[in-house]
Amino acid sequence: MIQISCYLTELEALPKVFCGLAEKCYYSDMRTLVLTENDSFSTSLDRVLWTYSKKHFIPHAMSGDPQPEDQPILITSAFEHSNNAEIVIFVNATESMILEAAAAGSAVRLQNMKKILFLFDDAQKMQSSEINNILKKSSLGEFELKSFAKTSQGTWKTI
């Protein structure tokens, strides 16, 4: 069964939350694919990963960089799977992005993922019930969906 987690945060906190999720994925030793709506947003996420921590670097690359198959974290707006990821992070995904990635013939192959993470800011938020309905219509198979929201104290609560 595929584990799906949805995270809702404030617009200003999205880059930091993204970096935290990417870091956790990296240290879990599972390759990660990050899907965004466009190249501009992919570039902005690439930049925040470069500057996230002064103590350590989170190895990553963008689509089009050399040797994508060797990258532990690959950021892209293209539906590709060149780093053989086990985790996919959708950042501010649209319904059409989810449907395309979940389609039976998609290069992303969601049905082979161990974890699927959705990260939304409060301006772009999609309800977890909407994601659940979209994925039920897809060829994804069995999944368990959990949703979390960032509190004003900075902790995560289940919603």
N, C-alpha and C. Protein backbone atom coordinates (compact mmCIF):
# COMPACT_ATOMS: atom_id res chain seq x y z
N MET A 1 0.84 -1.18 0.00
CA MET A 1 0.00 0.00 0.00
C MET A 1 0.89 1.25 0.00
N ILE A 2 0.58 2.18 -0.86
CA ILE A 2 1.36 3.40 -0.99
C ILE A 2 0.95 4.39 0.11
N GLN A 3 1.95 4.97 0.76
CA GLN A 3 1.71 5.98 1.79
C GLN A 3 1.69 7.36 1.13
N ILE A 4 0.59 8.09 1.34
CA ILE A 4 0.45 9.44 0.78
C ILE A 4 0.25 10.41 1.93
N SER A 5 1.03 11.49 1.92
CA SER A 5 0.91 12.53 2.94
C SER A 5 0.71 13.87 2.26
N CYS A 6 -0.24 14.65 2.78
CA CYS A 6 -0.51 15.99 2.27
C CYS A 6 -0.12 16.99 3.35
N TYR A 7 0.65 18.00 2.98
CA TYR A 7 1.11 19.02 3.91
C TYR A 7 0.62 20.38 3.44
N LEU A 8 -0.02 21.11 4.35
CA LEU A 8 -0.52 22.46 4.06
C LEU A 8 0.24 23.44 4.94
N THR A 9 0.84 24.45 4.32
CA THR A 9 1.59 25.45 5.06
C THR A 9 1.29 26.83 4.50
N GLU A 10 1.79 27.85 5.18
CA GLU A 10 1.62 29.22 4.68
C GLU A 10 2.55 29.46 3.50
N LEU A 11 2.16 30.37 2.64
CA LEU A 11 2.94 30.70 1.45
C LEU A 11 4.40 31.03 1.78
N GLU A 12 4.60 31.84 2.81
CA GLU A 12 5.96 32.26 3.18
C GLU A 12 6.80 31.10 3.69
N ALA A 13 6.17 30.10 4.27
CA ALA A 13 6.89 28.97 4.87
C ALA A 13 7.15 27.83 3.89
N LEU A 14 6.53 27.88 2.71
CA LEU A 14 6.64 26.77 1.77
C LEU A 14 8.09 26.40 1.43
N PRO A 15 8.97 27.35 1.11
CA PRO A 15 10.35 26.95 0.77
C PRO A 15 11.05 26.20 1.91
N LYS A 16 10.89 26.67 3.13
CA LYS A 16 11.53 26.02 4.28
C LYS A 16 10.93 24.63 4.52
N VAL A 17 9.62 24.52 4.42
CA VAL A 17 8.96 23.22 4.59
C VAL A 17 9.41 22.26 3.50
N PHE A 18 9.49 22.75 2.26
CA PHE A 18 9.98 21.91 1.17
C PHE A 18 11.38 21.40 1.47
N CYS A 19 12.26 22.28 1.89
CA CYS A 19 13.64 21.86 2.19
C CYS A 19 13.67 20.81 3.30
N GLY A 20 12.83 20.98 4.31
CA GLY A 20 12.76 20.00 5.38
C GLY A 20 12.31 18.64 4.88
N LEU A 21 11.31 18.62 4.00
CA LEU A 21 10.85 17.35 3.42
C LEU A 21 11.92 16.73 2.53
N ALA A 22 12.57 17.55 1.72
CA ALA A 22 13.63 17.05 0.84
C ALA A 22 14.78 16.47 1.66
N GLU A 23 15.13 17.15 2.73
CA GLU A 23 16.21 16.67 3.61
C GLU A 23 15.84 15.33 4.24
N LYS A 24 14.62 15.22 4.72
CA LYS A 24 14.16 13.96 5.32
C LYS A 24 14.20 12.83 4.29
N CYS A 25 13.76 13.11 3.09
CA CYS A 25 13.80 12.10 2.02
C CYS A 25 15.24 11.70 1.73
N TYR A 26 16.13 12.68 1.65
CA TYR A 26 17.54 12.38 1.35
C TYR A 26 18.13 11.47 2.42
N TYR A 27 17.89 11.78 3.69
CA TYR A 27 18.46 10.97 4.77
C TYR A 27 17.76 9.63 4.95
N SER A 28 16.64 9.43 4.28
CA SER A 28 15.98 8.12 4.31
C SER A 28 16.59 7.18 3.26
N ASP A 29 17.56 7.70 2.49
CA ASP A 29 18.23 6.93 1.43
C ASP A 29 17.28 6.45 0.34
N MET A 30 16.24 7.24 0.09
CA MET A 30 15.33 6.93 -1.01
C MET A 30 15.38 8.07 -2.02
N ARG A 31 15.61 7.72 -3.27
CA ARG A 31 15.65 8.74 -4.32
C ARG A 31 14.30 9.43 -4.41
N THR A 32 14.35 10.72 -4.69
CA THR A 32 13.15 11.54 -4.65
C THR A 32 13.01 12.34 -5.94
N LEU A 33 11.80 12.36 -6.48
CA LEU A 33 11.44 13.17 -7.63
C LEU A 33 10.55 14.30 -7.13
N VAL A 34 10.90 15.53 -7.45
CA VAL A 34 10.10 16.69 -7.05
C VAL A 34 9.44 17.24 -8.31
N LEU A 35 8.10 17.25 -8.32
CA LEU A 35 7.34 17.73 -9.48
C LEU A 35 6.71 19.09 -9.18
N THR A 36 6.97 20.05 -10.06
CA THR A 36 6.39 21.38 -9.94
C THR A 36 5.59 21.69 -11.20
N GLU A 37 4.85 22.79 -11.14
CA GLU A 37 4.00 23.15 -12.27
C GLU A 37 4.77 23.74 -13.45
N ASN A 38 5.92 24.40 -13.16
CA ASN A 38 6.67 25.03 -14.26
C ASN A 38 8.16 25.13 -13.92
N ASP A 39 8.95 25.43 -14.94
CA ASP A 39 10.41 25.52 -14.79
C ASP A 39 10.83 26.62 -13.82
N SER A 40 10.10 27.72 -13.83
CA SER A 40 10.43 28.84 -12.96
C SER A 40 10.33 28.43 -11.49
N PHE A 41 9.28 27.71 -11.16
CA PHE A 41 9.10 27.25 -9.77
C PHE A 41 10.15 26.19 -9.43
N SER A 42 10.49 25.34 -10.37
CA SER A 42 11.56 24.35 -10.16
C SER A 42 12.87 25.06 -9.84
N THR A 43 13.16 26.11 -10.58
CA THR A 43 14.39 26.88 -10.36
C THR A 43 14.40 27.51 -8.97
N SER A 44 13.26 28.03 -8.53
CA SER A 44 13.22 28.65 -7.20
C SER A 44 13.43 27.61 -6.10
N LEU A 45 12.90 26.40 -6.28
CA LEU A 45 13.13 25.34 -5.28
C LEU A 45 14.59 24.89 -5.30
N ASP A 46 15.18 24.85 -6.47
CA ASP A 46 16.60 24.53 -6.59
C ASP A 46 17.43 25.54 -5.79
N ARG A 47 17.11 26.80 -5.94
CA ARG A 47 17.86 27.86 -5.24
C ARG A 47 17.73 27.73 -3.72
N VAL A 48 16.53 27.45 -3.23
CA VAL A 48 16.38 27.36 -1.77
C VAL A 48 17.11 26.14 -1.21
N LEU A 49 17.20 25.06 -1.97
CA LEU A 49 17.97 23.91 -1.49
C LEU A 49 19.46 24.23 -1.40
N TRP A 50 19.96 25.07 -2.30
CA TRP A 50 21.37 25.46 -2.26
C TRP A 50 21.68 26.28 -1.02
N THR A 51 20.72 27.04 -0.53
CA THR A 51 20.98 27.96 0.59
C THR A 51 20.32 27.53 1.89
N TYR A 52 19.69 26.39 1.93
CA TYR A 52 18.90 25.94 3.08
C TYR A 52 19.72 25.81 4.36
N SER A 53 20.86 25.18 4.31
CA SER A 53 21.63 24.91 5.52
C SER A 53 23.09 25.31 5.33
N LYS A 54 23.63 25.95 6.35
CA LYS A 54 25.05 26.29 6.32
C LYS A 54 25.89 25.12 6.79
N LYS A 55 25.25 24.15 7.44
CA LYS A 55 25.99 23.01 8.00
C LYS A 55 26.22 21.89 7.00
N HIS A 56 25.24 21.65 6.13
CA HIS A 56 25.38 20.55 5.17
C HIS A 56 24.57 20.83 3.91
N PHE A 57 24.99 20.19 2.86
CA PHE A 57 24.38 20.35 1.54
C PHE A 57 23.45 19.17 1.28
N ILE A 58 22.29 19.44 0.70
CA ILE A 58 21.37 18.38 0.29
C ILE A 58 21.59 18.17 -1.20
N PRO A 59 22.23 17.06 -1.58
CA PRO A 59 22.52 16.81 -3.00
C PRO A 59 21.23 16.75 -3.83
N HIS A 60 21.23 17.47 -4.93
CA HIS A 60 20.06 17.51 -5.81
C HIS A 60 20.48 18.04 -7.17
N ALA A 61 19.57 17.94 -8.11
CA ALA A 61 19.78 18.50 -9.45
C ALA A 61 18.43 18.84 -10.04
N MET A 62 18.49 19.56 -11.13
CA MET A 62 17.28 19.88 -11.88
C MET A 62 17.26 19.07 -13.16
N SER A 63 16.08 18.92 -13.70
CA SER A 63 15.93 18.28 -15.00
C SER A 63 16.82 19.02 -15.99
N GLY A 64 17.54 18.28 -16.79
CA GLY A 64 18.45 18.90 -17.75
C GLY A 64 19.88 18.97 -17.25
N ASP A 65 20.09 18.81 -15.95
CA ASP A 65 21.45 18.77 -15.41
C ASP A 65 22.09 17.44 -15.80
N PRO A 66 23.42 17.37 -15.79
CA PRO A 66 24.10 16.12 -16.15
C PRO A 66 23.75 14.97 -15.20
N GLN A 67 23.70 13.80 -15.73
CA GLN A 67 23.51 12.54 -15.01
C GLN A 67 22.31 12.53 -14.05
N PRO A 68 21.11 12.76 -14.57
CA PRO A 68 19.94 12.75 -13.69
C PRO A 68 19.74 11.41 -13.00
N GLU A 69 20.19 10.34 -13.63
CA GLU A 69 20.02 9.00 -13.04
C GLU A 69 20.82 8.82 -11.75
N ASP A 70 21.82 9.67 -11.52
CA ASP A 70 22.65 9.57 -10.31
C ASP A 70 22.20 10.51 -9.19
N GLN A 71 21.14 11.26 -9.41
CA GLN A 71 20.74 12.28 -8.45
C GLN A 71 19.79 11.73 -7.39
N PRO A 72 20.10 11.98 -6.12
CA PRO A 72 19.20 11.52 -5.06
C PRO A 72 17.89 12.30 -5.03
N ILE A 73 17.95 13.57 -5.45
CA ILE A 73 16.76 14.41 -5.54
C ILE A 73 16.79 15.11 -6.90
N LEU A 74 15.73 14.92 -7.67
CA LEU A 74 15.63 15.53 -8.99
C LEU A 74 14.40 16.43 -9.02
N ILE A 75 14.61 17.71 -9.33
CA ILE A 75 13.53 18.69 -9.38
C ILE A 75 13.18 18.95 -10.84
N THR A 76 11.89 18.85 -11.17
CA THR A 76 11.48 18.99 -12.57
C THR A 76 10.02 19.40 -12.68
N SER A 77 9.69 19.98 -13.81
CA SER A 77 8.28 20.21 -14.14
C SER A 77 7.84 19.24 -15.24
N ALA A 78 8.76 18.41 -15.69
CA ALA A 78 8.47 17.42 -16.73
C ALA A 78 8.10 16.09 -16.07
N PHE A 79 7.22 15.37 -16.71
CA PHE A 79 6.81 14.07 -16.18
C PHE A 79 7.82 13.03 -16.63
N GLU A 80 8.88 12.92 -15.84
CA GLU A 80 9.96 11.98 -16.13
C GLU A 80 10.28 11.21 -14.85
N HIS A 81 11.09 10.22 -14.99
CA HIS A 81 11.44 9.38 -13.84
C HIS A 81 12.88 8.92 -13.99
N SER A 82 13.74 9.84 -14.41
CA SER A 82 15.10 9.45 -14.78
C SER A 82 16.00 9.12 -13.60
N ASN A 83 15.61 9.46 -12.37
CA ASN A 83 16.46 9.11 -11.23
C ASN A 83 15.93 7.89 -10.46
N ASN A 84 14.97 7.18 -11.04
CA ASN A 84 14.39 5.98 -10.41
C ASN A 84 13.96 6.23 -8.97
N ALA A 85 13.18 7.27 -8.78
CA ALA A 85 12.74 7.69 -7.46
C ALA A 85 11.79 6.69 -6.81
N GLU A 86 11.85 6.65 -5.49
CA GLU A 86 10.92 5.86 -4.68
C GLU A 86 9.91 6.76 -3.98
N ILE A 87 10.22 8.06 -3.96
CA ILE A 87 9.35 9.06 -3.36
C ILE A 87 9.13 10.16 -4.39
N VAL A 88 7.90 10.66 -4.47
CA VAL A 88 7.63 11.83 -5.30
C VAL A 88 7.02 12.90 -4.41
N ILE A 89 7.51 14.14 -4.57
CA ILE A 89 6.95 15.29 -3.87
C ILE A 89 6.31 16.19 -4.92
N PHE A 90 5.00 16.38 -4.82
CA PHE A 90 4.29 17.34 -5.67
C PHE A 90 4.25 18.65 -4.90
N VAL A 91 4.73 19.73 -5.50
CA VAL A 91 4.69 21.03 -4.84
C VAL A 91 3.66 21.90 -5.56
N ASN A 92 2.61 22.28 -4.81
CA ASN A 92 1.49 23.06 -5.35
C ASN A 92 0.94 22.44 -6.63
N ALA A 93 0.66 21.17 -6.57
CA ALA A 93 0.16 20.42 -7.73
C ALA A 93 -1.24 20.88 -8.12
N THR A 94 -1.51 20.78 -9.41
CA THR A 94 -2.85 21.02 -9.92
C THR A 94 -3.51 19.66 -10.17
N GLU A 95 -4.80 19.68 -10.36
CA GLU A 95 -5.52 18.44 -10.65
C GLU A 95 -4.96 17.78 -11.91
N SER A 96 -4.69 18.58 -12.93
CA SER A 96 -4.18 17.99 -14.18
C SER A 96 -2.80 17.36 -13.99
N MET A 97 -1.96 17.96 -13.13
CA MET A 97 -0.65 17.36 -12.84
C MET A 97 -0.81 15.99 -12.19
N ILE A 98 -1.71 15.92 -11.22
CA ILE A 98 -1.92 14.67 -10.50
C ILE A 98 -2.47 13.61 -11.43
N LEU A 99 -3.46 13.99 -12.24
CA LEU A 99 -4.05 13.03 -13.19
C LEU A 99 -3.02 12.53 -14.19
N GLU A 100 -2.18 13.44 -14.71
CA GLU A 100 -1.16 13.03 -15.68
C GLU A 100 -0.14 12.09 -15.04
N ALA A 101 0.29 12.41 -13.83
CA ALA A 101 1.28 11.57 -13.14
C ALA A 101 0.70 10.22 -12.76
N ALA A 102 -0.60 10.18 -12.47
CA ALA A 102 -1.24 8.94 -12.03
C ALA A 102 -1.75 8.08 -13.19
N ALA A 103 -1.69 8.60 -14.41
CA ALA A 103 -2.16 7.83 -15.57
C ALA A 103 -1.33 6.56 -15.73
N ALA A 104 -1.97 5.53 -16.22
CA ALA A 104 -1.33 4.21 -16.34
C ALA A 104 -0.03 4.25 -17.13
N GLY A 105 0.06 5.05 -18.17
CA GLY A 105 1.25 5.07 -19.00
C GLY A 105 2.25 6.16 -18.63
N SER A 106 2.05 6.84 -17.51
CA SER A 106 2.92 7.95 -17.13
C SER A 106 4.34 7.48 -16.84
N ALA A 107 5.31 8.29 -17.25
CA ALA A 107 6.72 7.98 -16.96
C ALA A 107 7.01 8.06 -15.47
N VAL A 108 6.20 8.79 -14.72
CA VAL A 108 6.41 8.94 -13.28
C VAL A 108 6.15 7.63 -12.53
N ARG A 109 5.20 6.84 -13.00
CA ARG A 109 4.87 5.54 -12.41
C ARG A 109 4.56 5.63 -10.91
N LEU A 110 3.54 6.40 -10.57
CA LEU A 110 3.15 6.57 -9.17
C LEU A 110 2.89 5.24 -8.47
N GLN A 111 2.36 4.27 -9.21
CA GLN A 111 2.03 2.99 -8.59
C GLN A 111 3.26 2.26 -8.06
N ASN A 112 4.47 2.65 -8.50
CA ASN A 112 5.71 2.03 -8.03
C ASN A 112 6.37 2.80 -6.89
N MET A 113 5.80 3.93 -6.51
CA MET A 113 6.39 4.75 -5.45
C MET A 113 6.10 4.15 -4.07
N LYS A 114 7.03 4.36 -3.15
CA LYS A 114 6.82 3.95 -1.76
C LYS A 114 6.05 5.02 -1.01
N LYS A 115 6.33 6.28 -1.36
CA LYS A 115 5.65 7.41 -0.72
C LYS A 115 5.35 8.47 -1.77
N ILE A 116 4.22 9.13 -1.56
CA ILE A 116 3.84 10.27 -2.38
C ILE A 116 3.52 11.40 -1.41
N LEU A 117 4.18 12.53 -1.60
CA LEU A 117 3.98 13.68 -0.73
C LEU A 117 3.42 14.83 -1.54
N PHE A 118 2.42 15.49 -1.00
CA PHE A 118 1.84 16.69 -1.61
C PHE A 118 2.11 17.85 -0.66
N LEU A 119 2.68 18.92 -1.18
CA LEU A 119 2.95 20.12 -0.39
C LEU A 119 2.22 21.28 -1.04
N PHE A 120 1.38 21.94 -0.25
CA PHE A 120 0.60 23.07 -0.75
C PHE A 120 0.78 24.26 0.17
N ASP A 121 0.79 25.46 -0.42
CA ASP A 121 0.72 26.65 0.42
C ASP A 121 -0.75 27.05 0.53
N ASP A 122 -1.04 27.96 1.45
CA ASP A 122 -2.44 28.32 1.70
C ASP A 122 -3.09 29.06 0.53
N ALA A 123 -2.30 29.59 -0.40
CA ALA A 123 -2.87 30.24 -1.58
C ALA A 123 -3.26 29.22 -2.65
N GLN A 124 -2.54 28.12 -2.73
CA GLN A 124 -2.76 27.11 -3.78
C GLN A 124 -3.43 25.84 -3.26
N LYS A 125 -3.83 25.84 -2.02
CA LYS A 125 -4.23 24.60 -1.36
C LYS A 125 -5.30 23.83 -2.13
N MET A 126 -5.09 22.56 -2.14
CA MET A 126 -6.07 21.63 -2.67
C MET A 126 -6.45 20.74 -1.48
N GLN A 127 -7.69 20.52 -1.26
CA GLN A 127 -8.13 19.71 -0.14
C GLN A 127 -7.69 18.27 -0.31
N SER A 128 -7.35 17.63 0.81
CA SER A 128 -6.94 16.22 0.74
C SER A 128 -8.08 15.35 0.22
N SER A 129 -9.33 15.77 0.46
CA SER A 129 -10.46 15.01 -0.07
C SER A 129 -10.47 15.07 -1.61
N GLU A 130 -10.05 16.20 -2.18
CA GLU A 130 -9.96 16.32 -3.64
C GLU A 130 -8.88 15.39 -4.18
N ILE A 131 -7.73 15.37 -3.51
CA ILE A 131 -6.64 14.48 -3.92
C ILE A 131 -7.08 13.03 -3.83
N ASN A 132 -7.75 12.70 -2.74
CA ASN A 132 -8.27 11.34 -2.55
C ASN A 132 -9.19 10.95 -3.70
N ASN A 133 -10.11 11.84 -4.07
CA ASN A 133 -11.05 11.55 -5.16
C ASN A 133 -10.34 11.41 -6.51
N ILE A 134 -9.35 12.27 -6.76
CA ILE A 134 -8.59 12.19 -8.01
C ILE A 134 -7.86 10.85 -8.09
N LEU A 135 -7.18 10.48 -7.01
CA LEU A 135 -6.39 9.25 -7.02
C LEU A 135 -7.25 7.99 -7.07
N LYS A 136 -8.44 8.05 -6.49
CA LYS A 136 -9.35 6.90 -6.56
C LYS A 136 -9.77 6.61 -8.00
N LYS A 137 -9.83 7.66 -8.83
CA LYS A 137 -10.21 7.51 -10.24
C LYS A 137 -9.05 7.01 -11.09
N SER A 138 -7.85 7.02 -10.53
CA SER A 138 -6.65 6.68 -11.30
C SER A 138 -6.35 5.18 -11.21
N SER A 139 -5.25 4.80 -11.82
CA SER A 139 -4.81 3.40 -11.79
C SER A 139 -3.83 3.15 -10.65
N LEU A 140 -3.83 4.01 -9.65
CA LEU A 140 -2.84 3.95 -8.57
C LEU A 140 -2.95 2.70 -7.72
N GLY A 141 -4.13 2.22 -7.50
CA GLY A 141 -4.29 1.06 -6.62
C GLY A 141 -4.53 1.50 -5.18
N GLU A 142 -4.18 0.63 -4.22
CA GLU A 142 -4.44 0.92 -2.82
C GLU A 142 -3.45 1.94 -2.26
N PHE A 143 -4.00 2.87 -1.46
CA PHE A 143 -3.15 3.87 -0.82
C PHE A 143 -3.78 4.30 0.49
N GLU A 144 -2.93 4.84 1.35
CA GLU A 144 -3.38 5.41 2.62
C GLU A 144 -2.99 6.88 2.61
N LEU A 145 -3.98 7.76 2.81
CA LEU A 145 -3.75 9.20 2.74
C LEU A 145 -3.89 9.84 4.11
N LYS A 146 -2.88 10.62 4.50
CA LYS A 146 -2.92 11.39 5.75
C LYS A 146 -2.65 12.84 5.41
N SER A 147 -3.28 13.75 6.17
CA SER A 147 -3.11 15.17 5.91
C SER A 147 -2.66 15.90 7.17
N PHE A 148 -1.78 16.89 6.95
CA PHE A 148 -1.20 17.65 8.05
C PHE A 148 -1.22 19.13 7.71
N ALA A 149 -1.40 19.96 8.73
CA ALA A 149 -1.34 21.41 8.56
C ALA A 149 -0.37 21.98 9.60
N LYS A 150 0.36 22.99 9.20
CA LYS A 150 1.32 23.64 10.09
C LYS A 150 0.55 24.58 11.01
N THR A 151 0.79 24.47 12.32
CA THR A 151 0.11 25.33 13.29
C THR A 151 0.90 26.63 13.45
N SER A 152 0.30 27.60 14.13
CA SER A 152 0.99 28.87 14.38
C SER A 152 2.20 28.69 15.29
N GLN A 153 2.24 27.58 16.05
CA GLN A 153 3.39 27.27 16.90
C GLN A 153 4.51 26.57 16.13
N GLY A 154 4.27 26.27 14.86
CA GLY A 154 5.29 25.64 14.03
C GLY A 154 5.29 24.13 14.06
N THR A 155 4.30 23.53 14.70
CA THR A 155 4.19 22.07 14.73
C THR A 155 3.17 21.62 13.68
N TRP A 156 3.15 20.33 13.41
CA TRP A 156 2.20 19.77 12.44
C TRP A 156 1.05 19.13 13.19
N LYS A 157 -0.17 19.38 12.72
CA LYS A 157 -1.33 18.70 13.30
C LYS A 157 -2.03 17.93 12.19
N THR A 158 -2.59 16.80 12.56
CA THR A 158 -3.35 15.98 11.61
C THR A 158 -4.68 16.66 11.34
N ILE A 159 -5.05 16.73 10.07
CA ILE A 159 -6.35 17.33 9.72
C ILE A 159 -7.20 16.30 9.00
